[in-house]
C-alpha atoms as a PDB file:
ATOM      1  CA  MET A   1      82.733 -71.906  23.772  1.00  0.00           C
ATOM      2  CA  THR A   2      79.138 -73.051  23.533  1.00  0.00           C
ATOM      3  CA  VAL A   3      76.406 -70.980  22.052  1.00  0.00           C
ATOM      4  CA  ARG A   4      73.055 -71.146  23.786  1.00  0.00           C
ATOM      5  CA  THR A   5      70.030 -71.163  21.594  1.00  0.00           C
ATOM      6  CA  THR A   6      66.444 -70.681  22.574  1.00  0.00           C
ATOM      7  CA  LYS A   7      63.542 -72.378  20.928  1.00  0.00           C
ATOM      8  CA  PRO A   8      60.977 -70.027  19.509  1.00  0.00           C
ATOM      9  CA  ARG A   9      57.760 -70.022  21.496  1.00  0.00           C
ATOM     10  CA  LYS A  10      54.981 -72.047  19.942  1.00  0.00           C
ATOM     11  CA  ARG A  11      52.062 -69.972  18.769  1.00  0.00           C
ATOM     12  CA  VAL A  12      49.225 -70.387  21.254  1.00  0.00           C
ATOM     13  CA  LYS A  13      45.705 -70.989  19.988  1.00  0.00           C
ATOM     14  CA  VAL A  14      43.094 -68.350  20.749  1.00  0.00           C
ATOM     15  CA  SER A  15      41.019 -70.878  22.679  1.00  0.00           C
ATOM     16  CA  ASP A  16      44.056 -71.772  24.816  1.00  0.00           C
ATOM     17  CA  ALA A  17      44.836 -68.086  25.403  1.00  0.00           C
ATOM     18  CA  VAL A  18      41.273 -67.549  26.632  1.00  0.00           C
ATOM     19  CA  ARG A  19      41.580 -70.561  28.945  1.00  0.00           C
ATOM     20  CA  HIS A  20      44.926 -69.345  30.285  1.00  0.00           C
ATOM     21  CA  THR A  21      43.461 -65.903  30.902  1.00  0.00           C
ATOM     22  CA  ALA A  22      40.591 -67.460  32.848  1.00  0.00           C
ATOM     23  CA  VAL A  23      43.060 -69.430  34.999  1.00  0.00           C
ATOM     24  CA  ILE A  24      45.114 -66.313  35.807  1.00  0.00           C
ATOM     25  CA  THR A  25      41.936 -64.334  36.507  1.00  0.00           C
ATOM     26  CA  ARG A  26      40.781 -67.026  38.924  1.00  0.00           C
ATOM     27  CA  ARG A  27      44.195 -67.139  40.599  1.00  0.00           C
ATOM     28  CA  ASN A  28      44.288 -63.371  41.179  1.00  0.00           C
ATOM     29  CA  THR A  29      40.666 -63.262  42.333  1.00  0.00           C
ATOM     30  CA  LEU A  30      41.163 -66.104  44.814  1.00  0.00           C
ATOM     31  CA  ARG A  31      44.216 -64.313  46.197  1.00  0.00           C
ATOM     32  CA  VAL A  32      41.988 -61.405  47.200  1.00  0.00           C
ATOM     33  CA  VAL A  33      39.439 -63.787  48.737  1.00  0.00           C
ATOM     34  CA  ARG A  34      42.128 -65.593  50.727  1.00  0.00           C
ATOM     35  CA  LEU A  35      43.640 -62.293  51.879  1.00  0.00           C
ATOM     36  CA  PRO A  36      40.514 -60.361  52.910  1.00  0.00           C
ATOM     37  CA  GLN A  37      42.622 -57.449  54.171  1.00  0.00           C
ATOM     38  CA  LEU A  38      43.341 -56.628  50.517  1.00  0.00           C
ATOM     39  CA  LEU A  39      39.624 -56.272  49.827  1.00  0.00           C
ATOM     40  CA  LEU A  40      39.098 -54.420  53.098  1.00  0.00           C
ATOM     41  CA  PHE A  41      41.676 -51.756  52.276  1.00  0.00           C
ATOM     42  CA  SER A  42      40.294 -51.328  48.762  1.00  0.00           C
ATOM     43  CA  THR A  43      36.798 -50.658  50.168  1.00  0.00           C
ATOM     44  CA  ILE A  44      37.707 -48.393  53.090  1.00  0.00           C
ATOM     45  CA  GLN A  45      39.052 -45.576  50.920  1.00  0.00           C
ATOM     46  CA  PRO A  46      35.982 -45.092  48.663  1.00  0.00           C
ATOM     47  CA  VAL A  47      33.612 -45.407  51.642  1.00  0.00           C
ATOM     48  CA  MET A  48      35.619 -42.723  53.454  1.00  0.00           C
ATOM     49  CA  PHE A  49      35.481 -40.454  50.390  1.00  0.00           C
ATOM     50  CA  LEU A  50      31.724 -40.943  50.200  1.00  0.00           C
ATOM     51  CA  LEU A  51      31.120 -40.238  53.888  1.00  0.00           C
ATOM     52  CA  LEU A  52      33.524 -37.296  54.127  1.00  0.00           C
ATOM     53  CA  PHE A  53      32.412 -35.470  51.001  1.00  0.00           C
ATOM     54  CA  ASN A  54      28.722 -35.976  51.726  1.00  0.00           C
ATOM     55  CA  TYR A  55      28.661 -35.188  55.430  1.00  0.00           C
ATOM     56  CA  VAL A  56      31.684 -32.926  55.893  1.00  0.00           C
ATOM     57  CA  PHE A  57      31.867 -30.986  52.614  1.00  0.00           C
ATOM     58  CA  GLY A  58      28.352 -31.539  51.272  1.00  0.00           C
ATOM     59  CA  GLY A  59      26.875 -28.710  53.308  1.00  0.00           C
ATOM     60  CA  ALA A  60      29.462 -26.275  51.969  1.00  0.00           C
ATOM     61  CA  ILE A  61      29.202 -27.316  48.323  1.00  0.00           C
ATOM     62  CA  SER A  62      26.424 -25.510  46.514  1.00  0.00           C
ATOM     63  CA  LEU A  63      24.751 -27.021  43.508  1.00  0.00           C
ATOM     64  CA  GLY A  64      22.581 -23.963  43.003  1.00  0.00           C
ATOM     65  CA  GLY A  65      23.009 -21.124  40.574  1.00  0.00           C
ATOM     66  CA  PRO A  66      22.764 -20.874  36.782  1.00  0.00           C
ATOM     67  CA  GLY A  67      23.234 -24.222  35.114  1.00  0.00           C
ATOM     68  CA  THR A  68      23.697 -26.057  38.403  1.00  0.00           C
ATOM     69  CA  PRO A  69      20.315 -27.307  39.701  1.00  0.00           C
ATOM     70  CA  THR A  70      19.831 -28.330  43.304  1.00  0.00           C
ATOM     71  CA  LEU A  71      19.053 -31.998  42.498  1.00  0.00           C
ATOM     72  CA  ASP A  72      16.341 -31.896  45.177  1.00  0.00           C
ATOM     73  CA  GLN A  73      18.820 -30.210  47.539  1.00  0.00           C
ATOM     74  CA  ASP A  74      20.562 -33.558  47.975  1.00  0.00           C
ATOM     75  CA  TYR A  75      24.285 -33.554  47.260  1.00  0.00           C
ATOM     76  CA  ILE A  76      24.400 -37.364  47.422  1.00  0.00           C
ATOM     77  CA  ASN A  77      22.569 -37.502  44.071  1.00  0.00           C
ATOM     78  CA  TRP A  78      25.421 -35.569  42.478  1.00  0.00           C
ATOM     79  CA  LEU A  79      28.149 -37.377  44.387  1.00  0.00           C
ATOM     80  CA  ILE A  80      27.362 -41.089  43.866  1.00  0.00           C
ATOM     81  CA  PRO A  81      27.875 -41.165  40.056  1.00  0.00           C
ATOM     82  CA  GLY A  82      31.208 -39.378  40.427  1.00  0.00           C
ATOM     83  CA  ILE A  83      32.288 -41.652  43.278  1.00  0.00           C
ATOM     84  CA  LEU A  84      31.572 -44.721  41.133  1.00  0.00           C
ATOM     85  CA  VAL A  85      33.963 -43.430  38.459  1.00  0.00           C
ATOM     86  CA  GLN A  86      36.556 -42.362  41.025  1.00  0.00           C
ATOM     87  CA  THR A  87      36.398 -45.752  42.760  1.00  0.00           C
ATOM     88  CA  ALA A  88      36.902 -47.608  39.492  1.00  0.00           C
ATOM     89  CA  VAL A  89      39.887 -45.427  38.557  1.00  0.00           C
ATOM     90  CA  PHE A  90      41.531 -45.627  41.991  1.00  0.00           C
ATOM     91  CA  GLY A  91      40.895 -49.373  42.010  1.00  0.00           C
ATOM     92  CA  ALA A  92      42.858 -49.708  38.764  1.00  0.00           C
ATOM     93  CA  THR A  93      46.050 -48.920  40.680  1.00  0.00           C
ATOM     94  CA  ALA A  94      45.859 -52.454  42.084  1.00  0.00           C
ATOM     95  CA  THR A  95      46.927 -53.675  38.645  1.00  0.00           C
ATOM     96  CA  ALA A  96      50.252 -51.848  38.908  1.00  0.00           C
ATOM     97  CA  LEU A  97      50.826 -53.028  42.473  1.00  0.00           C
ATOM     98  CA  GLY A  98      49.882 -56.640  41.694  1.00  0.00           C
ATOM     99  CA  LEU A  99      52.183 -56.857  38.675  1.00  0.00           C
ATOM    100  CA  THR A 100      55.172 -55.400  40.515  1.00  0.00           C
ATOM    101  CA  GLU A 101      54.603 -57.744  43.463  1.00  0.00           C
ATOM    102  CA  ASP A 102      54.441 -60.762  41.142  1.00  0.00           C
ATOM    103  CA  LEU A 103      57.559 -59.616  39.325  1.00  0.00           C
ATOM    104  CA  GLY A 104      59.461 -59.174  42.578  1.00  0.00           C
ATOM    105  CA  ALA A 105      58.316 -62.527  43.968  1.00  0.00           C
ATOM    106  CA  GLY A 106      59.290 -64.399  40.799  1.00  0.00           C
ATOM    107  CA  VAL A 107      55.709 -65.464  40.081  1.00  0.00           C
ATOM    108  CA  ILE A 108      55.791 -64.084  36.543  1.00  0.00           C
ATOM    109  CA  ASP A 109      59.075 -65.912  35.909  1.00  0.00           C
ATOM    110  CA  ARG A 110      57.295 -69.143  36.803  1.00  0.00           C
ATOM    111  CA  PHE A 111      54.419 -68.243  34.472  1.00  0.00           C
ATOM    112  CA  ARG A 112      56.989 -67.589  31.749  1.00  0.00           C
ATOM    113  CA  SER A 113      58.352 -71.130  32.088  1.00  0.00           C
ATOM    114  CA  LEU A 114      54.895 -72.593  31.433  1.00  0.00           C
ATOM    115  CA  PRO A 115      53.490 -73.211  27.948  1.00  0.00           C
ATOM    116  CA  MET A 116      50.942 -70.433  28.245  1.00  0.00           C
ATOM    117  CA  ALA A 117      50.037 -67.301  26.337  1.00  0.00           C
ATOM    118  CA  ARG A 118      52.008 -64.291  27.515  1.00  0.00           C
ATOM    119  CA  SER A 119      48.965 -62.100  27.050  1.00  0.00           C
ATOM    120  CA  ALA A 120      47.148 -64.189  29.672  1.00  0.00           C
ATOM    121  CA  VAL A 121      49.219 -62.728  32.523  1.00  0.00           C
ATOM    122  CA  LEU A 122      48.207 -59.136  31.793  1.00  0.00           C
ATOM    123  CA  ALA A 123      44.660 -59.932  30.710  1.00  0.00           C
ATOM    124  CA  GLY A 124      44.096 -62.140  33.752  1.00  0.00           C
ATOM    125  CA  ARG A 125      45.428 -59.418  36.041  1.00  0.00           C
ATOM    126  CA  THR A 126      43.152 -56.733  34.574  1.00  0.00           C
ATOM    127  CA  PHE A 127      40.058 -58.970  34.553  1.00  0.00           C
ATOM    128  CA  ALA A 128      40.619 -59.937  38.189  1.00  0.00           C
ATOM    129  CA  ASP A 129      40.827 -56.272  39.120  1.00  0.00           C
ATOM    130  CA  LEU A 130      37.615 -55.682  37.174  1.00  0.00           C
ATOM    131  CA  VAL A 131      35.908 -58.338  39.327  1.00  0.00           C
ATOM    132  CA  ARG A 132      37.194 -56.690  42.504  1.00  0.00           C
ATOM    133  CA  ASN A 133      36.141 -53.251  41.254  1.00  0.00           C
ATOM    134  CA  SER A 134      32.658 -54.614  40.578  1.00  0.00           C
ATOM    135  CA  PHE A 135      32.313 -55.737  44.173  1.00  0.00           C
ATOM    136  CA  VAL A 136      33.515 -52.374  45.510  1.00  0.00           C
ATOM    137  CA  ASN A 137      31.152 -50.406  43.260  1.00  0.00           C
ATOM    138  CA  VAL A 138      28.193 -52.535  44.351  1.00  0.00           C
ATOM    139  CA  LEU A 139      29.169 -51.748  47.943  1.00  0.00           C
ATOM    140  CA  MET A 140      29.226 -48.037  47.072  1.00  0.00           C
ATOM    141  CA  LEU A 141      25.689 -48.293  45.704  1.00  0.00           C
ATOM    142  CA  VAL A 142      24.470 -50.003  48.880  1.00  0.00           C
ATOM    143  CA  VAL A 143      26.124 -47.403  51.128  1.00  0.00           C
ATOM    144  CA  GLY A 144      24.828 -44.590  48.912  1.00  0.00           C
ATOM    145  CA  PHE A 145      21.293 -45.989  49.031  1.00  0.00           C
ATOM    146  CA  MET A 146      21.476 -46.023  52.831  1.00  0.00           C
ATOM    147  CA  MET A 147      22.549 -42.365  52.708  1.00  0.00           C
ATOM    148  CA  GLY A 148      19.571 -41.338  50.594  1.00  0.00           C
ATOM    149  CA  TRP A 149      20.775 -41.748  46.995  1.00  0.00           C
ATOM    150  CA  ARG A 150      18.192 -42.936  44.484  1.00  0.00           C
ATOM    151  CA  PHE A 151      18.453 -43.787  40.787  1.00  0.00           C
ATOM    152  CA  GLU A 152      15.714 -41.854  39.042  1.00  0.00           C
ATOM    153  CA  GLN A 153      15.707 -43.311  35.507  1.00  0.00           C
ATOM    154  CA  GLY A 154      15.173 -46.986  36.229  1.00  0.00           C
ATOM    155  CA  ALA A 155      17.347 -49.986  36.957  1.00  0.00           C
ATOM    156  CA  LEU A 156      18.501 -50.557  33.353  1.00  0.00           C
ATOM    157  CA  LYS A 157      20.006 -47.083  32.967  1.00  0.00           C
ATOM    158  CA  MET A 158      21.547 -47.343  36.420  1.00  0.00           C
ATOM    159  CA  LEU A 159      23.191 -50.635  35.431  1.00  0.00           C
ATOM    160  CA  LEU A 160      24.402 -49.053  32.195  1.00  0.00           C
ATOM    161  CA  GLY A 161      25.995 -46.246  34.177  1.00  0.00           C
ATOM    162  CA  VAL A 162      27.715 -48.660  36.559  1.00  0.00           C
ATOM    163  CA  SER A 163      28.909 -50.767  33.620  1.00  0.00           C
ATOM    164  CA  LEU A 164      30.442 -47.724  31.912  1.00  0.00           C
ATOM    165  CA  ALA A 165      32.242 -46.785  35.146  1.00  0.00           C
ATOM    166  CA  LEU A 166      33.621 -50.322  35.458  1.00  0.00           C
ATOM    167  CA  LEU A 167      34.688 -50.434  31.804  1.00  0.00           C
ATOM    168  CA  PHE A 168      36.508 -47.149  32.321  1.00  0.00           C
ATOM    169  CA  GLY A 169      38.238 -48.615  35.366  1.00  0.00           C
ATOM    170  CA  TYR A 170      39.196 -51.636  33.261  1.00  0.00           C
ATOM    171  CA  ALA A 171      40.669 -49.344  30.592  1.00  0.00           C
ATOM    172  CA  PHE A 172      42.672 -47.539  33.279  1.00  0.00           C
ATOM    173  CA  SER A 173      43.974 -50.908  34.476  1.00  0.00           C
ATOM    174  CA  TRP A 174      45.981 -51.067  31.248  1.00  0.00           C
ATOM    175  CA  VAL A 175      47.422 -47.627  32.001  1.00  0.00           C
ATOM    176  CA  MET A 176      48.381 -48.864  35.466  1.00  0.00           C
ATOM    177  CA  ALA A 177      49.799 -52.101  34.025  1.00  0.00           C
ATOM    178  CA  THR A 178      52.136 -50.046  31.842  1.00  0.00           C
ATOM    179  CA  ILE A 179      53.156 -47.887  34.801  1.00  0.00           C
ATOM    180  CA  GLY A 180      53.693 -50.911  37.058  1.00  0.00           C
ATOM    181  CA  LEU A 181      55.922 -52.671  34.552  1.00  0.00           C
ATOM    182  CA  LEU A 182      57.976 -49.504  34.121  1.00  0.00           C
ATOM    183  CA  ALA A 183      58.187 -48.760  37.856  1.00  0.00           C
ATOM    184  CA  LYS A 184      59.439 -52.258  38.823  1.00  0.00           C
ATOM    185  CA  THR A 185      58.688 -51.914  42.581  1.00  0.00           C
ATOM    186  CA  PRO A 186      55.332 -51.615  44.434  1.00  0.00           C
ATOM    187  CA  GLU A 187      56.397 -48.377  46.144  1.00  0.00           C
ATOM    188  CA  ALA A 188      57.392 -46.706  42.879  1.00  0.00           C
ATOM    189  CA  ALA A 189      54.291 -48.068  41.138  1.00  0.00           C
ATOM    190  CA  GLN A 190      51.971 -46.671  43.799  1.00  0.00           C
ATOM    191  CA  ALA A 191      53.575 -43.225  43.649  1.00  0.00           C
ATOM    192  CA  ALA A 192      53.683 -43.166  39.844  1.00  0.00           C
ATOM    193  CA  GLY A 193      50.118 -44.466  39.560  1.00  0.00           C
ATOM    194  CA  PHE A 194      48.520 -41.840  41.784  1.00  0.00           C
ATOM    195  CA  LEU A 195      50.501 -38.976  40.223  1.00  0.00           C
ATOM    196  CA  PRO A 196      48.290 -38.686  37.090  1.00  0.00           C
ATOM    197  CA  ILE A 197      45.088 -39.854  38.814  1.00  0.00           C
ATOM    198  CA  PHE A 198      44.822 -37.203  41.519  1.00  0.00           C
ATOM    199  CA  PRO A 199      44.724 -34.117  39.255  1.00  0.00           C
ATOM    200  CA  LEU A 200      42.377 -35.887  36.841  1.00  0.00           C
ATOM    201  CA  VAL A 201      39.941 -36.834  39.615  1.00  0.00           C
ATOM    202  CA  PHE A 202      39.923 -33.613  41.606  1.00  0.00           C
ATOM    203  CA  ALA A 203      39.957 -31.315  38.561  1.00  0.00           C
ATOM    204  CA  SER A 204      36.795 -32.938  37.238  1.00  0.00           C
ATOM    205  CA  SER A 205      33.044 -33.005  37.766  1.00  0.00           C
ATOM    206  CA  VAL A 206      33.304 -35.939  40.189  1.00  0.00           C
ATOM    207  CA  PHE A 207      32.698 -33.821  43.296  1.00  0.00           C
ATOM    208  CA  VAL A 208      31.463 -30.439  42.038  1.00  0.00           C
ATOM    209  CA  PRO A 209      30.044 -28.937  38.840  1.00  0.00           C
ATOM    210  CA  THR A 210      32.780 -27.615  36.588  1.00  0.00           C
ATOM    211  CA  GLN A 211      30.901 -24.292  36.374  1.00  0.00           C
ATOM    212  CA  THR A 212      32.148 -23.516  39.885  1.00  0.00           C
ATOM    213  CA  MET A 213      35.794 -23.651  38.745  1.00  0.00           C
ATOM    214  CA  PRO A 214      37.910 -20.801  37.320  1.00  0.00           C
ATOM    215  CA  GLU A 215      37.450 -20.384  33.589  1.00  0.00           C
ATOM    216  CA  TRP A 216      41.014 -21.449  32.780  1.00  0.00           C
ATOM    217  CA  LEU A 217      40.432 -24.727  34.647  1.00  0.00           C
ATOM    218  CA  GLN A 218      36.989 -25.366  33.180  1.00  0.00           C
ATOM    219  CA  VAL A 219      38.454 -25.932  29.721  1.00  0.00           C
ATOM    220  CA  PHE A 220      40.548 -28.817  31.030  1.00  0.00           C
ATOM    221  CA  ALA A 221      37.988 -30.157  33.511  1.00  0.00           C
ATOM    222  CA  GLU A 222      35.131 -30.353  31.016  1.00  0.00           C
ATOM    223  CA  ASN A 223      37.128 -32.164  28.324  1.00  0.00           C
ATOM    224  CA  GLN A 224      39.122 -34.756  30.234  1.00  0.00           C
ATOM    225  CA  PRO A 225      37.934 -38.382  30.383  1.00  0.00           C
ATOM    226  CA  ILE A 226      37.013 -38.612  34.070  1.00  0.00           C
ATOM    227  CA  SER A 227      34.610 -35.665  33.772  1.00  0.00           C
ATOM    228  CA  VAL A 228      33.089 -37.205  30.653  1.00  0.00           C
ATOM    229  CA  LEU A 229      32.528 -40.519  32.432  1.00  0.00           C
ATOM    230  CA  ALA A 230      31.210 -38.883  35.620  1.00  0.00           C
ATOM    231  CA  ASP A 231      28.770 -36.754  33.599  1.00  0.00           C
ATOM    232  CA  THR A 232      27.688 -39.800  31.591  1.00  0.00           C
ATOM    233  CA  VAL A 233      26.976 -41.912  34.672  1.00  0.00           C
ATOM    234  CA  ARG A 234      25.208 -38.940  36.296  1.00  0.00           C
ATOM    235  CA  SER A 235      23.068 -38.394  33.195  1.00  0.00           C
ATOM    236  CA  LEU A 236      21.816 -41.980  33.558  1.00  0.00           C
ATOM    237  CA  MET A 237      20.865 -41.590  37.225  1.00  0.00           C
ATOM    238  CA  VAL A 238      19.533 -38.077  37.942  1.00  0.00           C
ATOM    239  CA  PRO A 239      15.910 -37.166  37.096  1.00  0.00           C
ATOM    240  CA  GLU A 240      15.469 -36.633  33.364  1.00  0.00           C
ATOM    241  CA  GLU A 241      14.185 -33.095  33.864  1.00  0.00           C
ATOM    242  CA  PHE A 242      17.637 -32.086  35.087  1.00  0.00           C
ATOM    243  CA  LEU A 243      19.416 -33.182  31.909  1.00  0.00           C
ATOM    244  CA  GLY A 244      18.586 -30.031  29.989  1.00  0.00           C
ATOM    245  CA  VAL A 245      19.487 -27.733  32.872  1.00  0.00           C
ATOM    246  CA  LEU A 246      22.799 -29.537  33.356  1.00  0.00           C
ATOM    247  CA  GLY A 247      23.456 -29.365  29.621  1.00  0.00           C
ATOM    248  CA  TYR A 248      23.718 -33.151  29.329  1.00  0.00           C
ATOM    249  CA  ASP A 249      23.125 -34.838  25.986  1.00  0.00           C
ATOM    250  CA  GLN A 250      22.817 -38.408  27.209  1.00  0.00           C
ATOM    251  CA  GLY A 251      23.419 -40.129  23.887  1.00  0.00           C
ATOM    252  CA  GLN A 252      26.423 -37.971  23.037  1.00  0.00           C
ATOM    253  CA  LEU A 253      27.923 -38.507  26.488  1.00  0.00           C
ATOM    254  CA  ILE A 254      27.594 -42.292  26.157  1.00  0.00           C
ATOM    255  CA  LEU A 255      29.342 -42.213  22.777  1.00  0.00           C
ATOM    256  CA  GLN A 256      32.123 -39.998  24.159  1.00  0.00           C
ATOM    257  CA  SER A 257      32.596 -42.351  27.089  1.00  0.00           C
ATOM    258  CA  LEU A 258      32.847 -45.406  24.858  1.00  0.00           C
ATOM    259  CA  LEU A 259      35.294 -43.525  22.635  1.00  0.00           C
ATOM    260  CA  TRP A 260      37.526 -42.627  25.600  1.00  0.00           C
ATOM    261  CA  ILE A 261      37.439 -46.239  26.826  1.00  0.00           C
ATOM    262  CA  ALA A 262      38.359 -47.555  23.378  1.00  0.00           C
ATOM    263  CA  ILE A 263      41.179 -45.021  22.910  1.00  0.00           C
ATOM    264  CA  ILE A 264      42.747 -45.766  26.305  1.00  0.00           C
ATOM    265  CA  ILE A 265      42.681 -49.526  25.733  1.00  0.00           C
ATOM    266  CA  ALA A 266      43.922 -49.181  22.145  1.00  0.00           C
ATOM    267  CA  VAL A 267      46.886 -47.067  23.263  1.00  0.00           C
ATOM    268  CA  PHE A 268      47.910 -48.638  26.570  1.00  0.00           C
ATOM    269  CA  ALA A 269      47.156 -52.345  26.073  1.00  0.00           C
ATOM    270  CA  PRO A 270      49.830 -52.678  23.324  1.00  0.00           C
ATOM    271  CA  LEU A 271      52.227 -50.546  25.399  1.00  0.00           C
ATOM    272  CA  ALA A 272      51.701 -52.801  28.426  1.00  0.00           C
ATOM    273  CA  VAL A 273      52.196 -55.972  26.367  1.00  0.00           C
ATOM    274  CA  ARG A 274      55.393 -54.596  24.814  1.00  0.00           C
ATOM    275  CA  GLN A 275      56.776 -53.547  28.198  1.00  0.00           C
ATOM    276  CA  TYR A 276      55.845 -56.936  29.653  1.00  0.00           C
ATOM    277  CA  ARG A 277      57.823 -58.704  26.929  1.00  0.00           C
ATOM    278  CA  ARG A 278      60.790 -56.462  27.657  1.00  0.00           C
ATOM    279  CA  SER A 279      60.514 -57.080  31.398  1.00  0.00           C
ATOM    280  CA  VAL A 280      60.357 -60.876  31.241  1.00  0.00           C
ATOM    281  CA  GLY A 281      62.566 -61.314  28.188  1.00  0.00           C
END
């Protein structure tokens, strides 16, 4: 009887790991470019949410009342910041789907046979999805501008808000990577990915002020990460005179957002890497 032995993997230099990550990022990004239907489907959903909530539900959603100013009677000014966060979070599900598809097609097995950093597969996947999310969020801004949305605090704060939304989407990509590696199949990954996202998005300040919710729900809605990010992005875009009425402390919200992003990455990136090592052996 022969005993098979495996050579220990050579430690990869940091510079090589960065280069490998860039190669995987380019590969995943080009796949979207070469299959434009992937990009089309990822843009249709957020555009539909924007159109439906603004034109169908916007007239029925009141932003008036104590602590909920009218924002110049224009619901689009409330909606766009929340939609940016929602789009980034929903877009993170592509990480789970992409990983399960690559696992099923044997692509990751081929990557494993190459002398490359294992971390590059996950990092390249999440960075590619960040690039795609960036394109979709820019599209949302263009559509929103055509619908009457305006950023009231200048271009730099608007860019900061968009960047925070994208960073939050990137952090959620690591959550989705963990779910995708556990789910094994695209169908299971899609179902498992949307299960935690839907209650977080709809029980948040993305679409309506939390003051309009029942008191028992407000406690959850006001302290969960999607509300924090939506409020932060909104605080960087609405007129400054509304910040006090809305109860927004811009600096504190930015710090809370960065803290949530850091916590999510710190928790789920190691979990995803560990599950990836278990999945590929």
